[in-house]
Structures are given as C-alpha cells and as structure tokens.
C-alpha cells in the first residue's frame, strides 16, 4: 500500500528534526534517506517537495543561519564560528556565507553586531552585570522546568503567517482530546530575525506544540520531540503579536547580555494560555494577531555550552 502524504511529510520533518539536533554532523544523503525509511532517490524528491529545497541545501542554510547568529551576538573568532557550524575552512565558509546573504561574515559582524550574549563552550561561568540588571525594566523570572515530550505541527514560511498553523493544530488537538484549558501549549521558534532579510522571507520555522505524556501514541499528522528540562528565563507578555515581538527583542538584546546566563538550546518558545488555545478567542487571535497571552521562555545556563536542539 502506498504511503500517505501525511506519512511522507512526517518522515521528512523527522529528518529535519534530526539535522537540527546536530548541525555540525557530516550527514550523507544515504544516511538521511535510511532514517526516513525511503530509497535515496525517493527521499531526495520528497524532501524537496515538502521543504522546498534539497536536503543538503537545507542543511547548509541552517548552518549558515546559526553562524550568522553567532557572528552578530558573540565575540568568537570567525574561524571558530565556521568550525562550530560544520565548515572545514575559513574560505569555504566565507564563500558559502556570501553566496547566501550577499555579504561576508566580517561585513555582517562589522555592520550588525549586537551586545554579545553568546559564548562558545567554556568552563568559565558568565558574570552578571548587577547594576544594569537593576535598571532593566523587564521582570524576568528564572524557573526550573521539567523535560517535556511534545507533539508538534511545523510551519515554514514568512513570519506574518506563523499564527495560521494553530488552525490545523487546534483541529488535530480536538480530534485527539487534547484541546482543554489544562494542557500546556507551546510555540517554538527556531530562527533568528537577521538584518536585511526581506519581509516575505519564506523559510522561518515555527512549531505549534502541545506537551504530551509518555503514553501518547503519535500519528501521521504530527511529529514528536523532547525539550530538555532545566533552568528557563521567563517573561510574561500580553497583547498583539507586534507587542510580543518587541518584548522578545528586549528580552534577548537587552536582558540576556547582562544576565549572566546564556541560551542552552538553539530554540526559544512561548507558553500560551490554555484558555487562549482551547477557548473561543483563538480564531480571532489568528486573524487579528491580537489578544495573545504568553510566557516567553529562553532555556538558559550559567556555563556556556554547545547549543543543541530539542532531543529526538
């Protein structure tokens, strides 16, 4: 019996999650095809259909996007950033980066550097700036969160369309009996907003997710992953998507560099009110991008560690 379109998409997104878990690993097409349970030729064709680019082009773009984030937000040498991003040579890294972004790694750093908050792996703790923290208007809380298994539905496209994924997600939640005010609902962000990125850039990744228990039986409509537990910096926000975006910007660019913490995962996420996702306001929130309540979350650690993605 031929596999369904939903099954094919789930397998391809599983491969994407695998690549995201370790961008520096030297994946081969055959390894990825085996992971998807497909022939090499069928995998290549289906990956392009689902993702919109070849598997190797996708992996290269994710590596370069991660490198761009480090270049903007750290003092790490460019050669070290290249190596941590899976490139063997500075020249190869510079060529690939310039081809994708239209400017060199050095030009990005010279023109768009932010106050550093990312540090490459080290045994040294990060010191907080107590005076600056006292003056920071954000009310940030450090919470200890458990490890979560989540079921997710992925959106890939322009940022302005991210909220639309919650319409099919809510339909799936209803079918599975997971649409209620006691569930924990997440919006998981994978990509930084880079300067000079066009407004209609169509490759941002966002996951609409719900925390599920160990007895959860997945189906072909969703993928599953693990979000490791640990310390999480949180800020509560309420209002429009634009207001949440402004709060996120202050959270990352103003609080994080002075906090003494740094991200321990390559993703950040919102925790949404169960009353929003399971209640009558969801449709209006999707259409107007207003009336949103969320806890903005950055998984953090005191000691710099290699950024990792949610575990498989």
Protein backbone atom coordinates (compact mmCIF):
# COMPACT_ATOMS: atom_id res chain seq x y z
CA UNK A 1 0.00 0.00 0.00
CA UNK A 2 1.48 3.40 -0.95
CA UNK A 3 2.28 5.71 1.93
CA UNK A 4 0.02 8.70 2.56
CA UNK A 5 1.05 12.31 2.02
CA UNK A 6 0.80 12.85 5.79
CA UNK A 7 3.14 9.92 6.45
CA UNK A 8 5.65 11.24 3.93
CA UNK A 9 5.58 14.72 5.43
CA UNK A 10 6.02 13.34 8.96
CA UNK A 11 9.07 11.34 7.89
CA UNK A 12 10.63 14.35 6.16
CA UNK A 13 10.04 16.61 9.17
CA UNK A 14 11.59 13.88 11.35
CA UNK A 15 14.71 14.16 9.18
CA UNK A 16 14.66 17.94 9.62
CA UNK A 17 14.48 17.48 13.40
CA UNK A 18 17.40 15.07 13.22
CA UNK A 19 19.55 17.56 11.31
CA UNK A 20 18.58 20.36 13.70
CA UNK A 21 19.73 18.26 16.66
CA UNK A 22 23.36 18.38 15.45
CA UNK A 23 24.05 20.76 12.57
CA UNK A 24 27.79 20.08 12.58
CA UNK A 25 27.42 16.33 11.94
CA UNK A 26 28.54 15.30 8.40
CA UNK A 27 25.24 13.79 7.24
CA UNK A 28 25.07 11.96 3.93
CA UNK A 29 22.01 11.68 1.71
CA UNK A 30 22.03 7.91 2.19
CA UNK A 31 22.02 8.24 5.99
CA UNK A 32 19.13 10.69 5.87
CA UNK A 33 17.19 8.51 3.43
CA UNK A 34 17.70 5.49 5.68
CA UNK A 35 16.45 7.49 8.67
CA UNK A 36 13.33 8.40 6.70
CA UNK A 37 12.85 4.78 5.61
CA UNK A 38 12.98 5.72 1.93
CA UNK A 39 15.14 5.00 -1.07
CA UNK A 40 17.75 7.65 -1.80
CA UNK A 41 16.02 8.87 -4.97
CA UNK A 42 12.54 8.93 -3.40
CA UNK A 43 13.86 10.75 -0.33
CA UNK A 44 15.53 13.47 -2.38
CA UNK A 45 12.36 14.07 -4.39
CA UNK A 46 10.07 14.11 -1.35
CA UNK A 47 12.37 16.31 0.73
CA UNK A 48 12.38 18.97 -1.98
CA UNK A 49 8.58 18.72 -2.27
CA UNK A 50 7.97 19.11 1.46
CA UNK A 51 10.74 21.56 2.41
CA UNK A 52 11.19 23.46 -0.84
CA UNK A 53 14.91 22.79 -1.24
CA UNK A 54 17.27 19.83 -1.31
CA UNK A 55 18.34 18.23 1.96
CA UNK A 56 21.95 19.37 1.56
CA UNK A 57 20.91 22.92 0.64
CA UNK A 58 18.62 22.97 3.68
CA UNK A 59 21.38 21.76 5.99
CA UNK A 60 23.85 24.29 4.58
CA UNK A 61 21.36 27.15 5.03
CA UNK A 62 20.67 26.16 8.66
CA UNK A 63 24.40 26.00 9.38
CA UNK A 64 24.92 29.45 7.88
CA UNK A 65 21.94 30.91 9.75
CA UNK A 66 23.36 29.59 13.01
CA UNK A 67 26.73 31.07 12.10
CA UNK A 68 25.09 34.43 11.39
CA UNK A 69 23.53 34.38 14.86
CA UNK A 70 26.95 33.75 16.44
CA UNK A 71 28.60 36.45 14.34
CA UNK A 72 26.03 39.01 15.47
CA UNK A 73 25.83 38.02 19.11
CA UNK A 74 29.29 36.82 20.15
CA UNK A 75 32.97 37.78 20.14
CA UNK A 76 34.03 34.33 18.89
CA UNK A 77 36.66 34.36 16.11
CA UNK A 78 35.18 33.85 12.66
CA UNK A 79 37.31 30.75 12.10
CA UNK A 80 35.88 29.21 15.29
CA UNK A 81 32.33 30.08 14.23
CA UNK A 82 32.99 28.42 10.87
CA UNK A 83 34.27 25.24 12.54
CA UNK A 84 31.39 25.11 15.05
CA UNK A 85 28.99 25.47 12.11
CA UNK A 86 30.36 22.44 10.28
CA UNK A 87 32.75 24.12 7.82
CA UNK A 88 36.31 22.84 7.49
CA UNK A 89 37.90 26.00 6.07
CA UNK A 90 37.50 29.75 6.52
CA UNK A 91 37.49 30.22 2.74
CA UNK A 92 34.71 27.68 2.20
CA UNK A 93 32.66 29.24 4.97
CA UNK A 94 33.11 32.78 3.64
CA UNK A 95 32.18 31.72 0.10
CA UNK A 96 29.01 29.90 1.20
CA UNK A 97 28.00 32.69 3.59
CA UNK A 98 28.50 35.44 1.00
CA UNK A 99 26.55 33.48 -1.61
CA UNK A 100 23.56 33.11 0.72
CA UNK A 101 23.48 36.55 2.36
CA UNK A 102 25.16 38.79 -0.19
CA UNK A 103 27.86 39.96 2.22
CA UNK A 104 30.80 38.35 4.01
CA UNK A 105 30.87 37.13 7.63
CA UNK A 106 33.16 40.04 8.51
CA UNK A 107 30.77 42.54 6.94
CA UNK A 108 27.86 41.14 8.95
CA UNK A 109 29.87 41.43 12.15
CA UNK A 110 31.10 44.95 11.32
CA UNK A 111 27.67 46.31 10.41
CA UNK A 112 25.20 44.40 12.58
CA UNK A 113 26.94 43.29 15.76
CA UNK A 114 24.80 43.36 18.89
CA UNK A 115 25.87 43.34 22.50
CA UNK A 116 27.36 39.84 22.87
CA UNK A 117 25.41 37.24 24.79
CA UNK A 118 26.55 34.02 23.07
CA UNK A 119 29.76 32.32 24.12
CA UNK A 120 31.31 29.20 22.70
CA UNK A 121 31.81 26.17 25.02
CA UNK A 122 33.87 27.08 28.08
CA UNK A 123 34.36 26.01 31.67
CA UNK A 124 34.18 29.62 32.87
CA UNK A 125 30.90 30.92 34.34
CA UNK A 126 29.31 34.03 32.87
CA UNK A 127 29.16 37.05 35.19
CA UNK A 128 26.02 39.15 35.52
CA UNK A 129 26.03 42.96 35.35
CA UNK A 130 24.20 43.70 38.61
CA UNK A 131 23.88 47.45 38.02
CA UNK A 132 22.49 47.03 34.51
CA UNK A 133 20.10 44.31 35.69
CA UNK A 134 18.73 46.61 38.38
CA UNK A 135 17.96 49.20 35.71
CA UNK A 136 16.40 46.72 33.25
CA UNK A 137 12.61 47.27 33.11
CA UNK A 138 11.81 43.65 32.24
CA UNK A 139 10.52 41.45 35.05
CA UNK A 140 12.41 38.22 34.38
CA UNK A 141 11.99 35.05 36.45
CA UNK A 142 14.29 32.01 36.39
CA UNK A 143 12.20 28.84 36.63
CA UNK A 144 13.13 25.17 36.81
CA UNK A 145 11.15 23.34 34.13
CA UNK A 146 10.87 19.57 33.64
CA UNK A 147 11.75 17.66 30.50
CA UNK A 148 8.80 17.68 28.13
CA UNK A 149 7.77 15.42 25.29
CA UNK A 150 5.83 17.48 22.77
CA UNK A 151 3.74 16.73 19.71
CA UNK A 152 4.18 19.42 17.08
CA UNK A 153 2.92 20.69 13.77
CA UNK A 154 5.54 22.64 11.84
CA UNK A 155 5.06 25.87 9.92
CA UNK A 156 7.63 27.06 7.37
CA UNK A 157 7.08 30.43 5.73
CA UNK A 158 7.04 34.21 6.33
CA UNK A 159 6.78 35.33 9.96
CA UNK A 160 3.47 37.06 9.29
CA UNK A 161 1.83 33.69 8.62
CA UNK A 162 3.08 31.80 11.67
CA UNK A 163 -0.15 32.07 13.67
CA UNK A 164 -2.10 30.31 10.91
CA UNK A 165 -0.60 26.94 11.90
CA UNK A 166 -2.76 26.99 15.03
CA UNK A 167 -5.91 26.46 12.96
CA UNK A 168 -4.99 22.93 11.77
CA UNK A 169 -3.25 22.30 15.10
CA UNK A 170 -6.44 23.05 17.04
CA UNK A 171 -8.37 20.68 14.74
CA UNK A 172 -5.85 17.93 15.49
CA UNK A 173 -5.91 18.70 19.23
CA UNK A 174 -9.69 18.38 19.21
CA UNK A 175 -9.55 15.02 17.41
CA UNK A 176 -7.03 13.70 19.92
CA UNK A 177 -8.84 15.00 23.00
CA UNK A 178 -6.02 17.43 23.82
CA UNK A 179 -7.92 20.70 23.46
CA UNK A 180 -8.60 21.87 27.01
CA UNK A 181 -7.51 24.59 29.41
CA UNK A 182 -5.20 22.30 31.44
CA UNK A 183 -2.84 21.36 28.59
CA UNK A 184 0.49 23.14 28.10
CA UNK A 185 0.71 24.68 24.62
CA UNK A 186 3.96 25.96 23.12
CA UNK A 187 5.06 28.00 20.14
CA UNK A 188 8.65 27.00 19.35
CA UNK A 189 10.91 29.38 17.40
CA UNK A 190 13.97 28.11 15.53
CA UNK A 191 15.26 31.11 13.56
CA UNK A 192 16.75 34.47 14.40
CA UNK A 193 15.47 37.60 12.67
CA UNK A 194 18.51 38.66 10.64
CA UNK A 195 19.07 42.19 9.31
CA UNK A 196 18.45 42.77 5.62
CA UNK A 197 16.20 39.70 5.50
CA UNK A 198 13.23 40.51 3.23
CA UNK A 199 9.82 40.82 4.89
CA UNK A 200 8.50 37.95 2.77
CA UNK A 201 11.39 35.60 3.60
CA UNK A 202 9.68 32.24 3.41
CA UNK A 203 11.86 29.89 5.43
CA UNK A 204 11.18 30.73 9.08
CA UNK A 205 10.41 27.64 11.15
CA UNK A 206 7.79 27.69 13.90
CA UNK A 207 6.24 24.72 15.71
CA UNK A 208 2.77 24.73 17.25
CA UNK A 209 3.18 22.18 20.04
CA UNK A 210 1.48 20.54 22.99
CA UNK A 211 3.08 18.73 25.91
CA UNK A 212 2.09 15.04 25.90
CA UNK A 213 2.73 12.21 28.33
CA UNK A 214 4.76 9.05 27.87
CA UNK A 215 1.67 7.06 26.85
CA UNK A 216 0.97 9.34 23.87
CA UNK A 217 0.57 7.43 20.60
CA UNK A 218 1.73 9.60 17.67
CA UNK A 219 0.04 9.61 14.28
CA UNK A 220 1.00 10.78 10.80
CA UNK A 221 -0.33 14.31 11.36
CA UNK A 222 2.33 15.39 13.86
CA UNK A 223 5.95 14.89 14.84
CA UNK A 224 7.30 14.45 18.34
CA UNK A 225 10.43 15.69 20.06
CA UNK A 226 11.86 16.23 23.55
CA UNK A 227 12.55 19.61 25.16
CA UNK A 228 15.21 19.01 27.84
CA UNK A 229 14.39 20.32 31.30
CA UNK A 230 16.46 22.81 33.26
CA UNK A 231 16.60 26.49 34.04
CA UNK A 232 14.41 28.73 31.89
CA UNK A 233 14.29 32.54 31.91
CA UNK A 234 10.69 33.72 31.55
CA UNK A 235 8.82 36.97 30.91
CA UNK A 236 5.04 37.34 30.73
CA UNK A 237 3.58 39.29 27.82
CA UNK A 238 0.05 40.17 26.78
CA UNK A 239 -1.28 41.92 23.68
CA UNK A 240 -0.65 41.84 19.96
CA UNK A 241 1.95 39.79 18.11
CA UNK A 242 3.79 43.06 17.46
CA UNK A 243 3.95 43.72 21.22
CA UNK A 244 5.21 40.20 21.88
CA UNK A 245 7.89 40.68 19.23
CA UNK A 246 9.03 43.92 20.91
CA UNK A 247 9.19 42.15 24.27
CA UNK A 248 11.17 39.30 22.72
CA UNK A 249 13.63 41.82 21.25
CA UNK A 250 14.19 43.48 24.63
CA UNK A 251 14.41 40.09 26.34
CA UNK A 252 17.16 38.85 24.00
CA UNK A 253 19.05 42.05 23.20
CA UNK A 254 18.75 43.98 26.49
CA UNK A 255 18.33 41.46 29.33
CA UNK A 256 20.24 38.39 28.11
CA UNK A 257 23.66 40.07 27.57
CA UNK A 258 23.71 41.43 31.15
CA UNK A 259 22.04 38.49 32.89
CA UNK A 260 24.97 36.17 33.50
CA UNK A 261 23.10 33.48 31.57
CA UNK A 262 23.25 32.27 28.02
CA UNK A 263 20.96 30.06 25.92
CA UNK A 264 21.44 26.31 26.38
CA UNK A 265 19.25 25.29 23.43
CA UNK A 266 19.06 26.52 19.85
CA UNK A 267 15.34 27.21 20.28
CA UNK A 268 13.19 29.52 22.40
CA UNK A 269 9.46 29.22 22.94
CA UNK A 270 6.22 30.79 24.11
CA UNK A 271 3.91 29.05 26.57
CA UNK A 272 0.35 30.03 25.68
CA UNK A 273 -2.63 30.23 27.98
CA UNK A 274 -4.81 27.15 27.74
CA UNK A 275 -7.80 29.49 27.72
CA UNK A 276 -6.44 31.08 24.53
CA UNK A 277 -5.77 27.87 22.59
CA UNK A 278 -8.79 25.90 23.80
CA UNK A 279 -11.21 28.81 24.14
CA UNK A 280 -13.30 30.91 21.78
CA UNK A 281 -10.62 33.59 21.31
CA UNK A 282 -8.24 31.52 19.19
CA UNK A 283 -9.85 32.20 15.81
CA UNK A 284 -9.86 35.96 16.44
CA UNK A 285 -6.26 35.85 17.68
CA UNK A 286 -5.19 34.06 14.48
CA UNK A 287 -6.99 36.51 12.19
CA UNK A 288 -6.15 39.76 14.03
CA UNK A 289 -2.85 38.80 15.74
CA UNK A 290 -4.13 40.38 18.95
CA UNK A 291 -5.37 39.25 22.36
CA UNK A 292 -2.45 36.90 22.99
CA UNK A 293 -1.21 35.87 26.43
CA UNK A 294 2.14 34.12 26.62
CA UNK A 295 5.08 33.35 28.85
CA UNK A 296 8.22 33.98 26.76
CA UNK A 297 10.87 31.36 27.57
CA UNK A 298 14.62 31.11 26.97
CA UNK A 299 16.24 27.88 28.25
CA UNK A 300 19.44 29.12 29.92
CA UNK A 301 22.57 28.00 31.74
CA UNK A 302 25.36 29.73 33.65
CA UNK A 303 28.22 27.92 31.91
CA UNK A 304 28.45 28.29 28.12
CA UNK A 305 27.73 25.03 26.33
CA UNK A 306 27.39 24.00 22.73
CA UNK A 307 23.92 25.00 21.56
CA UNK A 308 21.73 21.97 20.99
CA UNK A 309 18.25 21.45 19.66
CA UNK A 310 15.39 19.63 21.36
CA UNK A 311 16.35 15.97 21.54
CA UNK A 312 14.91 13.26 19.37
